[in-house]
């Protein structure tokens, strides 16, 4: 019977280990920031209905064909306050086609309080939305704010941002342009 020398076994193990390890790390190198979770297989989303600032129903399914970003925030949340101006600037960026951003306040609807929050931060383009029936909490299993859900043009969640980011970060913008 043929025996493989220990040195050869070690070299084979070493080669296989590093090839597997490098392929795993390369798959994660596409994600530009540490708090972005990108899914290997995008997750289908069921129909979610929420409210605009005036209390009108908005159905998420009406935006299939658009790149959709849903940012969940609260007026008491310091990281939300920090990231909201960069999200507003990002939404004004003309480099993204068919982009829709929903800034969903996760508190009980309070138009005075939320409007003041946007005015104090000089938010120009973002609109305020509410999730009074907690549809998003149920669908996306939200655990905290800020959380941002990214939905591709097929209506599938392909990534999620846990915590705040700078939406003007060039690495983020370059990565996201692959989905536009």
Protein backbone atom coordinates (compact mmCIF):
# COMPACT_ATOMS: atom_id res chain seq x y z
CA UNK A 1 0.00 0.00 0.00
CA UNK A 2 1.19 3.50 -0.92
CA UNK A 3 1.80 5.88 2.03
CA UNK A 4 1.77 9.65 1.75
CA UNK A 5 4.62 11.27 3.70
CA UNK A 6 3.65 13.54 6.61
CA UNK A 7 5.24 16.53 4.91
CA UNK A 8 3.09 16.04 1.82
CA UNK A 9 -0.05 15.65 3.96
CA UNK A 10 0.81 18.90 5.74
CA UNK A 11 1.36 20.73 2.46
CA UNK A 12 -1.95 19.45 1.07
CA UNK A 13 -3.76 20.51 4.26
CA UNK A 14 -2.01 23.89 4.21
CA UNK A 15 -2.92 24.44 0.54
CA UNK A 16 -6.58 23.47 1.00
CA UNK A 17 -6.98 25.45 4.22
CA UNK A 18 -5.67 28.68 2.71
CA UNK A 19 -7.60 28.29 -0.52
CA UNK A 20 -10.85 27.85 1.40
CA UNK A 21 -9.98 30.64 3.85
CA UNK A 22 -9.07 33.08 1.07
CA UNK A 23 -12.23 32.32 -0.90
CA UNK A 24 -14.36 33.05 2.18
CA UNK A 25 -12.59 36.32 2.93
CA UNK A 26 -12.80 37.40 -0.71
CA UNK A 27 -16.57 36.91 -0.68
CA UNK A 28 -16.80 39.30 2.27
CA UNK A 29 -14.41 41.88 0.80
CA UNK A 30 -17.21 43.21 -1.41
CA UNK A 31 -18.97 44.66 1.63
CA UNK A 32 -17.45 48.09 2.25
CA UNK A 33 -18.27 48.66 5.92
CA UNK A 34 -18.13 46.40 8.97
CA UNK A 35 -21.80 46.84 9.93
CA UNK A 36 -23.30 45.84 6.58
CA UNK A 37 -24.71 42.34 6.39
CA UNK A 38 -25.02 41.18 2.79
CA UNK A 39 -26.99 38.03 2.06
CA UNK A 40 -25.73 35.33 -0.30
CA UNK A 41 -29.33 34.82 -1.43
CA UNK A 42 -31.61 37.87 -1.28
CA UNK A 43 -34.69 37.42 0.89
CA UNK A 44 -38.15 37.88 -0.68
CA UNK A 45 -40.33 40.44 1.09
CA UNK A 46 -44.06 40.13 1.57
CA UNK A 47 -46.36 43.08 1.03
CA UNK A 48 -45.74 45.66 3.76
CA UNK A 49 -48.04 48.62 4.24
CA UNK A 50 -46.99 51.65 6.26
CA UNK A 51 -47.99 55.33 6.46
CA UNK A 52 -46.67 58.55 5.01
CA UNK A 53 -46.58 61.78 7.04
CA UNK A 54 -50.25 62.51 6.30
CA UNK A 55 -51.44 59.03 7.31
CA UNK A 56 -51.89 57.69 3.77
CA UNK A 57 -51.06 54.03 3.15
CA UNK A 58 -47.86 53.21 1.30
CA UNK A 59 -47.36 49.67 -0.06
CA UNK A 60 -43.78 48.51 -0.44
CA UNK A 61 -44.76 46.32 -3.40
CA UNK A 62 -45.52 49.47 -5.40
CA UNK A 63 -41.76 50.12 -5.57
CA UNK A 64 -40.61 46.91 -7.26
CA UNK A 65 -38.28 48.05 -10.04
CA UNK A 66 -36.61 50.60 -7.78
CA UNK A 67 -33.65 50.35 -5.47
CA UNK A 68 -35.29 50.86 -2.07
CA UNK A 69 -33.59 51.90 1.13
CA UNK A 70 -35.62 51.85 4.34
CA UNK A 71 -34.00 53.61 7.26
CA UNK A 72 -35.56 52.98 10.67
CA UNK A 73 -34.94 55.75 13.18
CA UNK A 74 -36.25 57.52 16.28
CA UNK A 75 -36.04 61.11 17.51
CA UNK A 76 -34.36 60.06 20.78
CA UNK A 77 -31.63 58.08 18.95
CA UNK A 78 -28.26 59.93 18.87
CA UNK A 79 -26.76 57.73 16.08
CA UNK A 80 -29.93 58.33 14.02
CA UNK A 81 -29.47 62.07 14.42
CA UNK A 82 -25.84 61.71 13.40
CA UNK A 83 -26.51 59.73 10.19
CA UNK A 84 -29.73 61.42 8.97
CA UNK A 85 -28.01 64.39 7.22
CA UNK A 86 -25.77 62.01 5.23
CA UNK A 87 -28.82 59.91 4.28
CA UNK A 88 -30.56 63.08 3.08
CA UNK A 89 -27.51 64.09 1.00
CA UNK A 90 -27.29 60.57 -0.39
CA UNK A 91 -30.95 60.71 -1.47
CA UNK A 92 -30.20 63.92 -3.35
CA UNK A 93 -27.40 62.16 -5.28
CA UNK A 94 -28.36 61.98 -8.95
CA UNK A 95 -25.94 59.10 -9.61
CA UNK A 96 -28.56 56.54 -8.57
CA UNK A 97 -31.47 55.78 -10.91
CA UNK A 98 -34.82 54.66 -9.53
CA UNK A 99 -33.71 55.18 -5.92
CA UNK A 100 -36.39 55.47 -3.23
CA UNK A 101 -35.54 56.16 0.41
CA UNK A 102 -38.07 55.73 3.19
CA UNK A 103 -37.12 57.27 6.55
CA UNK A 104 -39.45 55.38 8.88
CA UNK A 105 -39.89 56.74 12.40
CA UNK A 106 -40.35 53.83 14.80
CA UNK A 107 -42.07 55.80 17.55
CA UNK A 108 -45.80 56.37 17.96
CA UNK A 109 -46.70 58.83 15.16
CA UNK A 110 -46.07 62.38 16.34
CA UNK A 111 -45.95 64.77 13.41
CA UNK A 112 -44.84 67.78 15.48
CA UNK A 113 -41.90 65.97 17.13
CA UNK A 114 -40.70 64.26 13.94
CA UNK A 115 -41.04 67.39 11.81
CA UNK A 116 -38.98 69.35 14.37
CA UNK A 117 -36.32 66.61 14.23
CA UNK A 118 -36.06 67.03 10.43
CA UNK A 119 -36.11 70.85 10.60
CA UNK A 120 -33.39 70.92 13.27
CA UNK A 121 -31.19 68.74 11.06
CA UNK A 122 -32.01 70.76 7.90
CA UNK A 123 -33.31 67.66 6.07
CA UNK A 124 -34.23 68.74 2.53
CA UNK A 125 -35.42 65.73 0.52
CA UNK A 126 -36.28 62.89 2.89
CA UNK A 127 -39.89 62.46 3.89
CA UNK A 128 -41.16 61.08 7.18
CA UNK A 129 -42.96 57.74 7.31
CA UNK A 130 -44.48 55.82 10.20
CA UNK A 131 -45.02 52.14 11.00
CA UNK A 132 -47.95 52.41 13.38
CA UNK A 133 -49.00 48.75 12.92
CA UNK A 134 -45.41 47.50 13.36
CA UNK A 135 -45.50 45.83 9.93
CA UNK A 136 -41.78 46.42 9.43
CA UNK A 137 -40.87 45.14 12.88
CA UNK A 138 -42.65 41.89 12.07
CA UNK A 139 -41.42 41.50 8.48
CA UNK A 140 -37.79 42.46 9.10
CA UNK A 141 -37.49 41.31 12.73
CA UNK A 142 -36.03 44.66 13.73
CA UNK A 143 -34.10 44.80 16.98
CA UNK A 144 -32.99 48.42 17.22
CA UNK A 145 -32.41 51.77 15.55
CA UNK A 146 -30.86 52.85 13.40
CA UNK A 147 -31.27 49.92 11.08
CA UNK A 148 -31.30 50.28 7.31
CA UNK A 149 -32.73 47.64 4.99
CA UNK A 150 -31.63 47.55 1.34
CA UNK A 151 -34.04 46.11 -1.20
CA UNK A 152 -33.12 45.30 -4.79
CA UNK A 153 -35.25 46.02 -7.85
CA UNK A 154 -36.87 42.58 -7.59
CA UNK A 155 -38.28 43.49 -4.18
CA UNK A 156 -35.83 41.35 -2.19
CA UNK A 157 -33.78 42.33 0.83
CA UNK A 158 -30.15 41.91 -0.23
CA UNK A 159 -28.41 43.64 2.67
CA UNK A 160 -28.93 45.31 6.00
CA UNK A 161 -27.00 47.97 7.89
CA UNK A 162 -26.99 47.50 11.65
CA UNK A 163 -26.26 50.82 13.32
CA UNK A 164 -25.29 54.09 11.72
CA UNK A 165 -23.08 54.77 8.73
CA UNK A 166 -22.00 57.72 6.64
CA UNK A 167 -24.16 57.36 3.53
CA UNK A 168 -21.65 59.57 1.69
CA UNK A 169 -18.81 57.08 2.25
CA UNK A 170 -17.26 56.48 -1.20
CA UNK A 171 -16.74 52.75 -0.59
CA UNK A 172 -20.42 52.39 0.31
CA UNK A 173 -21.54 54.38 -2.74
CA UNK A 174 -19.36 52.31 -5.08
CA UNK A 175 -20.64 49.04 -3.57
CA UNK A 176 -24.28 50.15 -3.75
CA UNK A 177 -23.94 51.24 -7.38
CA UNK A 178 -23.72 47.54 -8.28
CA UNK A 179 -27.42 47.26 -7.34
CA UNK A 180 -28.67 50.36 -9.13
